[in-house]
PDB file of N, CA and C in Angstrom:
ATOM      1  N   UNK A   1    -114.413  94.011  -2.439  1.00  0.00           N
ATOM      2  CA  UNK A   1    -113.242  93.206  -2.704  1.00  0.00           C
ATOM      3  C   UNK A   1    -112.148  94.100  -3.294  1.00  0.00           C
ATOM      4  N   UNK A   2    -110.938  93.973  -2.792  1.00  0.00           N
ATOM      5  CA  UNK A   2    -109.816  94.767  -3.277  1.00  0.00           C
ATOM      6  C   UNK A   2    -109.121  94.049  -4.424  1.00  0.00           C
ATOM      7  N   UNK A   3    -108.553  94.831  -5.318  1.00  0.00           N
ATOM      8  CA  UNK A   3    -107.813  94.294  -6.452  1.00  0.00           C
ATOM      9  C   UNK A   3    -106.331  94.559  -6.242  1.00  0.00           C
ATOM     10  N   UNK A   4    -105.533  93.572  -6.526  1.00  0.00           N
ATOM     11  CA  UNK A   4    -104.082  93.720  -6.443  1.00  0.00           C
ATOM     12  C   UNK A   4    -103.525  93.672  -7.860  1.00  0.00           C
ATOM     13  N   UNK A   5    -102.726  94.674  -8.214  1.00  0.00           N
ATOM     14  CA  UNK A   5    -102.078  94.698  -9.524  1.00  0.00           C
ATOM     15  C   UNK A   5    -100.620  94.319  -9.341  1.00  0.00           C
ATOM     16  N   UNK A   6    -100.142  93.462 -10.222  1.00  0.00           N
ATOM     17  CA  UNK A   6     -98.744  93.033 -10.182  1.00  0.00           C
ATOM     18  C   UNK A   6     -97.953  93.770 -11.243  1.00  0.00           C
ATOM     19  N   UNK A   7     -96.852  94.374 -10.813  1.00  0.00           N
ATOM     20  CA  UNK A   7     -95.965  95.092 -11.719  1.00  0.00           C
ATOM     21  C   UNK A   7     -94.580  94.475 -11.575  1.00  0.00           C
ATOM     22  N   UNK A   8     -94.003  94.069 -12.704  1.00  0.00           N
ATOM     23  CA  UNK A   8     -92.684  93.446 -12.668  1.00  0.00           C
ATOM     24  C   UNK A   8     -91.659  94.370 -13.308  1.00  0.00           C
ATOM     25  N   UNK A   9     -90.519  94.541 -12.637  1.00  0.00           N
ATOM     26  CA  UNK A   9     -89.465  95.418 -13.129  1.00  0.00           C
ATOM     27  C   UNK A   9     -88.186  94.654 -13.473  1.00  0.00           C
ATOM     28  N   UNK A  10     -88.289  93.358 -13.651  1.00  0.00           N
ATOM     29  CA  UNK A  10     -87.109  92.536 -13.917  1.00  0.00           C
ATOM     30  C   UNK A  10     -86.359  93.002 -15.162  1.00  0.00           C
ATOM     31  N   UNK A  11     -87.066  93.204 -16.260  1.00  0.00           N
ATOM     32  CA  UNK A  11     -86.410  93.594 -17.510  1.00  0.00           C
ATOM     33  C   UNK A  11     -85.848  95.008 -17.436  1.00  0.00           C
ATOM     34  N   UNK A  12     -86.538  95.893 -16.734  1.00  0.00           N
ATOM     35  CA  UNK A  12     -86.036  97.261 -16.598  1.00  0.00           C
ATOM     36  C   UNK A  12     -84.769  97.285 -15.763  1.00  0.00           C
ATOM     37  N   UNK A  13     -84.791  96.596 -14.629  1.00  0.00           N
ATOM     38  CA  UNK A  13     -83.640  96.615 -13.730  1.00  0.00           C
ATOM     39  C   UNK A  13     -82.446  95.845 -14.290  1.00  0.00           C
ATOM     40  N   UNK A  14     -82.701  94.815 -15.081  1.00  0.00           N
ATOM     41  CA  UNK A  14     -81.587  94.046 -15.642  1.00  0.00           C
ATOM     42  C   UNK A  14     -80.793  94.864 -16.647  1.00  0.00           C
ATOM     43  N   UNK A  15     -81.433  95.864 -17.252  1.00  0.00           N
ATOM     44  CA  UNK A  15     -80.709  96.708 -18.210  1.00  0.00           C
ATOM     45  C   UNK A  15     -79.767  97.674 -17.503  1.00  0.00           C
ATOM     46  N   UNK A  16     -80.031  97.958 -16.233  1.00  0.00           N
ATOM     47  CA  UNK A  16     -79.184  98.873 -15.478  1.00  0.00           C
ATOM     48  C   UNK A  16     -77.851  98.229 -15.096  1.00  0.00           C
ATOM     49  N   UNK A  17     -77.823  96.908 -15.050  1.00  0.00           N
ATOM     50  CA  UNK A  17     -76.603  96.181 -14.688  1.00  0.00           C
ATOM     51  C   UNK A  17     -75.977  95.645 -15.974  1.00  0.00           C
ATOM     52  N   UNK A  18     -75.012  96.348 -16.484  1.00  0.00           N
ATOM     53  CA  UNK A  18     -74.411  95.988 -17.779  1.00  0.00           C
ATOM     54  C   UNK A  18     -73.584  94.709 -17.720  1.00  0.00           C
ATOM     55  N   UNK A  19     -73.011  94.394 -16.561  1.00  0.00           N
ATOM     56  CA  UNK A  19     -72.159  93.207 -16.475  1.00  0.00           C
ATOM     57  C   UNK A  19     -72.955  91.912 -16.630  1.00  0.00           C
ATOM     58  N   UNK A  20     -74.240  91.949 -16.307  1.00  0.00           N
ATOM     59  CA  UNK A  20     -75.094  90.767 -16.425  1.00  0.00           C
ATOM     60  C   UNK A  20     -76.270  91.029 -17.352  1.00  0.00           C
ATOM     61  N   UNK A  21     -76.042  91.749 -18.438  1.00  0.00           N
ATOM     62  CA  UNK A  21     -77.159  92.075 -19.313  1.00  0.00           C
ATOM     63  C   UNK A  21     -77.704  90.808 -19.968  1.00  0.00           C
ATOM     64  N   UNK A  22     -78.997  90.807 -20.181  1.00  0.00           N
ATOM     65  CA  UNK A  22     -79.678  89.657 -20.747  1.00  0.00           C
ATOM     66  C   UNK A  22     -79.646  89.710 -22.269  1.00  0.00           C
ATOM     67  N   UNK A  23     -79.661  88.550 -22.888  1.00  0.00           N
ATOM     68  CA  UNK A  23     -79.772  88.501 -24.341  1.00  0.00           C
ATOM     69  C   UNK A  23     -81.221  88.767 -24.726  1.00  0.00           C
ATOM     70  N   UNK A  24     -81.443  89.045 -25.998  1.00  0.00           N
ATOM     71  CA  UNK A  24     -82.806  89.285 -26.459  1.00  0.00           C
ATOM     72  C   UNK A  24     -83.677  88.061 -26.216  1.00  0.00           C
ATOM     73  N   UNK A  25     -83.138  86.885 -26.462  1.00  0.00           N
ATOM     74  CA  UNK A  25     -83.896  85.645 -26.261  1.00  0.00           C
ATOM     75  C   UNK A  25     -84.296  85.484 -24.793  1.00  0.00           C
ATOM     76  N   UNK A  26     -83.385  85.807 -23.872  1.00  0.00           N
ATOM     77  CA  UNK A  26     -83.685  85.715 -22.439  1.00  0.00           C
ATOM     78  C   UNK A  26     -84.768  86.724 -22.044  1.00  0.00           C
ATOM     79  N   UNK A  27     -84.682  87.943 -22.580  1.00  0.00           N
ATOM     80  CA  UNK A  27     -85.697  88.960 -22.289  1.00  0.00           C
ATOM     81  C   UNK A  27     -87.069  88.502 -22.770  1.00  0.00           C
ATOM     82  N   UNK A  28     -87.110  87.944 -23.960  1.00  0.00           N
ATOM     83  CA  UNK A  28     -88.377  87.479 -24.521  1.00  0.00           C
ATOM     84  C   UNK A  28     -88.949  86.326 -23.706  1.00  0.00           C
ATOM     85  N   UNK A  29     -88.089  85.419 -23.268  1.00  0.00           N
ATOM     86  CA  UNK A  29     -88.533  84.293 -22.441  1.00  0.00           C
ATOM     87  C   UNK A  29     -89.092  84.777 -21.096  1.00  0.00           C
ATOM     88  N   UNK A  30     -88.438  85.747 -20.491  1.00  0.00           N
ATOM     89  CA  UNK A  30     -88.921  86.304 -19.225  1.00  0.00           C
ATOM     90  C   UNK A  30     -90.274  86.979 -19.436  1.00  0.00           C
ATOM     91  N   UNK A  31     -90.393  87.776 -20.506  1.00  0.00           N
ATOM     92  CA  UNK A  31     -91.651  88.469 -20.786  1.00  0.00           C
ATOM     93  C   UNK A  31     -92.787  87.475 -21.024  1.00  0.00           C
ATOM     94  N   UNK A  32     -92.523  86.412 -21.750  1.00  0.00           N
ATOM     95  CA  UNK A  32     -93.549  85.391 -21.996  1.00  0.00           C
ATOM     96  C   UNK A  32     -93.960  84.699 -20.704  1.00  0.00           C
ATOM     97  N   UNK A  33     -92.991  84.407 -19.842  1.00  0.00           N
ATOM     98  CA  UNK A  33     -93.299  83.775 -18.559  1.00  0.00           C
ATOM     99  C   UNK A  33     -94.156  84.690 -17.688  1.00  0.00           C
ATOM    100  N   UNK A  34     -93.807  85.964 -17.650  1.00  0.00           N
ATOM    101  CA  UNK A  34     -94.589  86.923 -16.873  1.00  0.00           C
ATOM    102  C   UNK A  34     -95.999  87.069 -17.440  1.00  0.00           C
ATOM    103  N   UNK A  35     -96.111  87.003 -18.756  1.00  0.00           N
ATOM    104  CA  UNK A  35     -97.425  87.080 -19.394  1.00  0.00           C
ATOM    105  C   UNK A  35     -98.276  85.866 -19.028  1.00  0.00           C
ATOM    106  N   UNK A  36     -97.662  84.690 -19.009  1.00  0.00           N
ATOM    107  CA  UNK A  36     -98.390  83.474 -18.615  1.00  0.00           C
ATOM    108  C   UNK A  36     -98.844  83.552 -17.155  1.00  0.00           C
ATOM    109  N   UNK A  37     -98.064  84.227 -16.327  1.00  0.00           N
ATOM    110  CA  UNK A  37     -98.421  84.412 -14.921  1.00  0.00           C
ATOM    111  C   UNK A  37     -99.445  85.532 -14.731  1.00  0.00           C
ATOM    112  N   UNK A  38     -99.820  86.170 -15.822  1.00  0.00           N
ATOM    113  CA  UNK A  38    -100.809  87.253 -15.831  1.00  0.00           C
ATOM    114  C   UNK A  38    -100.385  88.460 -14.987  1.00  0.00           C
ATOM    115  N   UNK A  39     -99.091  88.802 -15.093  1.00  0.00           N
ATOM    116  CA  UNK A  39     -98.603  90.019 -14.451  1.00  0.00           C
ATOM    117  C   UNK A  39     -99.267  91.193 -15.175  1.00  0.00           C
ATOM    118  N   UNK A  40     -99.767  92.163 -14.428  1.00  0.00           N
ATOM    119  CA  UNK A  40    -100.516  93.271 -15.023  1.00  0.00           C
ATOM    120  C   UNK A  40     -99.644  94.203 -15.862  1.00  0.00           C
ATOM    121  N   UNK A  41     -98.440  94.520 -15.385  1.00  0.00           N
ATOM    122  CA  UNK A  41     -97.552  95.441 -16.091  1.00  0.00           C
ATOM    123  C   UNK A  41     -96.140  94.879 -16.076  1.00  0.00           C
ATOM    124  N   UNK A  42     -95.510  94.868 -17.241  1.00  0.00           N
ATOM    125  CA  UNK A  42     -94.107  94.477 -17.364  1.00  0.00           C
ATOM    126  C   UNK A  42     -93.352  95.724 -17.799  1.00  0.00           C
ATOM    127  N   UNK A  43     -92.470  96.195 -16.957  1.00  0.00           N
ATOM    128  CA  UNK A  43     -91.714  97.397 -17.292  1.00  0.00           C
ATOM    129  C   UNK A  43     -90.473  97.003 -18.078  1.00  0.00           C
ATOM    130  N   UNK A  44     -90.291  97.660 -19.219  1.00  0.00           N
ATOM    131  CA  UNK A  44     -89.139  97.402 -20.071  1.00  0.00           C
ATOM    132  C   UNK A  44     -88.082  98.469 -19.849  1.00  0.00           C
ATOM    133  N   UNK A  45     -86.885  98.176 -20.327  1.00  0.00           N
ATOM    134  CA  UNK A  45     -85.794  99.137 -20.205  1.00  0.00           C
ATOM    135  C   UNK A  45     -86.099 100.360 -21.056  1.00  0.00           C
ATOM    136  N   UNK A  46     -85.663 101.534 -20.608  1.00  0.00           N
ATOM    137  CA  UNK A  46     -85.871 102.721 -21.431  1.00  0.00           C
ATOM    138  C   UNK A  46     -85.104 102.585 -22.749  1.00  0.00           C
ATOM    139  N   UNK A  47     -85.666 103.147 -23.779  1.00  0.00           N
ATOM    140  CA  UNK A  47     -85.010 103.076 -25.091  1.00  0.00           C
ATOM    141  C   UNK A  47     -83.887 104.091 -25.106  1.00  0.00           C
ATOM    142  N   UNK A  48     -82.677 103.579 -25.280  1.00  0.00           N
ATOM    143  CA  UNK A  48     -81.513 104.455 -25.361  1.00  0.00           C
ATOM    144  C   UNK A  48     -81.447 105.078 -26.746  1.00  0.00           C
ATOM    145  N   UNK A  49     -80.274 105.246 -27.250  1.00  0.00           N
ATOM    146  CA  UNK A  49     -80.119 105.853 -28.567  1.00  0.00           C
ATOM    147  C   UNK A  49     -80.086 104.839 -29.696  1.00  0.00           C
ATOM    148  N   UNK A  50     -80.053 103.560 -29.355  1.00  0.00           N
ATOM    149  CA  UNK A  50     -79.880 102.573 -30.415  1.00  0.00           C
ATOM    150  C   UNK A  50     -81.207 102.067 -30.960  1.00  0.00           C
ATOM    151  N   UNK A  51     -81.200 101.719 -32.230  1.00  0.00           N
ATOM    152  CA  UNK A  51     -82.388 101.156 -32.869  1.00  0.00           C
ATOM    153  C   UNK A  51     -82.661  99.753 -32.339  1.00  0.00           C
ATOM    154  N   UNK A  52     -81.613  99.085 -31.864  1.00  0.00           N
ATOM    155  CA  UNK A  52     -81.769  97.728 -31.328  1.00  0.00           C
ATOM    156  C   UNK A  52     -82.651  97.745 -30.080  1.00  0.00           C
ATOM    157  N   UNK A  53     -82.489  98.758 -29.228  1.00  0.00           N
ATOM    158  CA  UNK A  53     -83.323  98.883 -28.024  1.00  0.00           C
ATOM    159  C   UNK A  53     -84.787  99.069 -28.399  1.00  0.00           C
ATOM    160  N   UNK A  54     -85.033  99.933 -29.357  1.00  0.00           N
ATOM    161  CA  UNK A  54     -86.410 100.197 -29.793  1.00  0.00           C
ATOM    162  C   UNK A  54     -87.023  98.950 -30.412  1.00  0.00           C
ATOM    163  N   UNK A  55     -86.273  98.264 -31.251  1.00  0.00           N
ATOM    164  CA  UNK A  55     -86.770  97.052 -31.899  1.00  0.00           C
ATOM    165  C   UNK A  55     -87.026  95.955 -30.878  1.00  0.00           C
ATOM    166  N   UNK A  56     -86.151  95.834 -29.906  1.00  0.00           N
ATOM    167  CA  UNK A  56     -86.312  94.835 -28.845  1.00  0.00           C
ATOM    168  C   UNK A  56     -87.596  95.080 -28.067  1.00  0.00           C
ATOM    169  N   UNK A  57     -87.825  96.319 -27.645  1.00  0.00           N
ATOM    170  CA  UNK A  57     -89.021  96.641 -26.872  1.00  0.00           C
ATOM    171  C   UNK A  57     -90.292  96.456 -27.692  1.00  0.00           C
ATOM    172  N   UNK A  58     -90.269  96.840 -28.968  1.00  0.00           N
ATOM    173  CA  UNK A  58     -91.441  96.666 -29.827  1.00  0.00           C
ATOM    174  C   UNK A  58     -91.759  95.193 -30.024  1.00  0.00           C
ATOM    175  N   UNK A  59     -90.739  94.373 -30.197  1.00  0.00           N
ATOM    176  CA  UNK A  59     -90.944  92.941 -30.404  1.00  0.00           C
ATOM    177  C   UNK A  59     -91.512  92.291 -29.155  1.00  0.00           C
ATOM    178  N   UNK A  60     -90.963  92.628 -28.000  1.00  0.00           N
ATOM    179  CA  UNK A  60     -91.466  92.067 -26.742  1.00  0.00           C
ATOM    180  C   UNK A  60     -92.913  92.498 -26.520  1.00  0.00           C
ATOM    181  N   UNK A  61     -93.218  93.760 -26.787  1.00  0.00           N
ATOM    182  CA  UNK A  61     -94.586  94.252 -26.610  1.00  0.00           C
ATOM    183  C   UNK A  61     -95.559  93.525 -27.532  1.00  0.00           C
ATOM    184  N   UNK A  62     -95.123  93.189 -28.735  1.00  0.00           N
ATOM    185  CA  UNK A  62     -95.997  92.495 -29.679  1.00  0.00           C
ATOM    186  C   UNK A  62     -96.235  91.036 -29.279  1.00  0.00           C
ATOM    187  N   UNK A  63     -95.300  90.444 -28.536  1.00  0.00           N
ATOM    188  CA  UNK A  63     -95.379  89.032 -28.188  1.00  0.00           C
ATOM    189  C   UNK A  63     -96.220  88.748 -26.946  1.00  0.00           C
ATOM    190  N   UNK A  64     -96.454  89.743 -26.123  1.00  0.00           N
ATOM    191  CA  UNK A  64     -97.210  89.515 -24.892  1.00  0.00           C
ATOM    192  C   UNK A  64     -98.488  90.341 -24.899  1.00  0.00           C
ATOM    193  N   UNK A  65     -99.461  89.913 -24.119  1.00  0.00           N
ATOM    194  CA  UNK A  65    -100.734  90.602 -24.077  1.00  0.00           C
ATOM    195  C   UNK A  65    -100.904  91.509 -22.881  1.00  0.00           C
ATOM    196  N   UNK A  66     -99.858  91.621 -22.066  1.00  0.00           N
ATOM    197  CA  UNK A  66     -99.912  92.408 -20.840  1.00  0.00           C
ATOM    198  C   UNK A  66     -99.660  93.885 -21.163  1.00  0.00           C
ATOM    199  N   UNK A  67    -100.039  94.752 -20.252  1.00  0.00           N
ATOM    200  CA  UNK A  67     -99.699  96.159 -20.403  1.00  0.00           C
ATOM    201  C   UNK A  67     -98.215  96.323 -20.200  1.00  0.00           C
ATOM    202  N   UNK A  68     -97.539  96.919 -21.177  1.00  0.00           N
ATOM    203  CA  UNK A  68     -96.104  97.110 -21.075  1.00  0.00           C
ATOM    204  C   UNK A  68     -95.797  98.576 -20.850  1.00  0.00           C
ATOM    205  N   UNK A  69     -94.739  98.834 -20.136  1.00  0.00           N
ATOM    206  CA  UNK A  69     -94.357 100.195 -19.828  1.00  0.00           C
ATOM    207  C   UNK A  69     -92.870 100.350 -20.039  1.00  0.00           C
ATOM    208  N   UNK A  70     -92.476 101.379 -20.762  1.00  0.00           N
ATOM    209  CA  UNK A  70     -91.060 101.702 -20.900  1.00  0.00           C
ATOM    210  C   UNK A  70     -90.746 102.788 -19.882  1.00  0.00           C
ATOM    211  N   UNK A  71     -89.865 102.479 -18.968  1.00  0.00           N
ATOM    212  CA  UNK A  71     -89.566 103.408 -17.875  1.00  0.00           C
ATOM    213  C   UNK A  71     -88.817 104.615 -18.371  1.00  0.00           C
TER     214      UNK A  71
END
């Protein structure tokens, strides 16, 4: 039997488009939804130079049980 792993890049790709950037609450809601769907890996936006990016990624990682990846 073959195994299929699901990897979601929604949060990573949304950070690349600054005109439609998501709020922290929206990012957390998306991550929770993906976790409920049992997505294997949720890729987060790379941490830029700001402490807010690092705090956002740490908080999202703490809230979900899925493997998280910072691109």
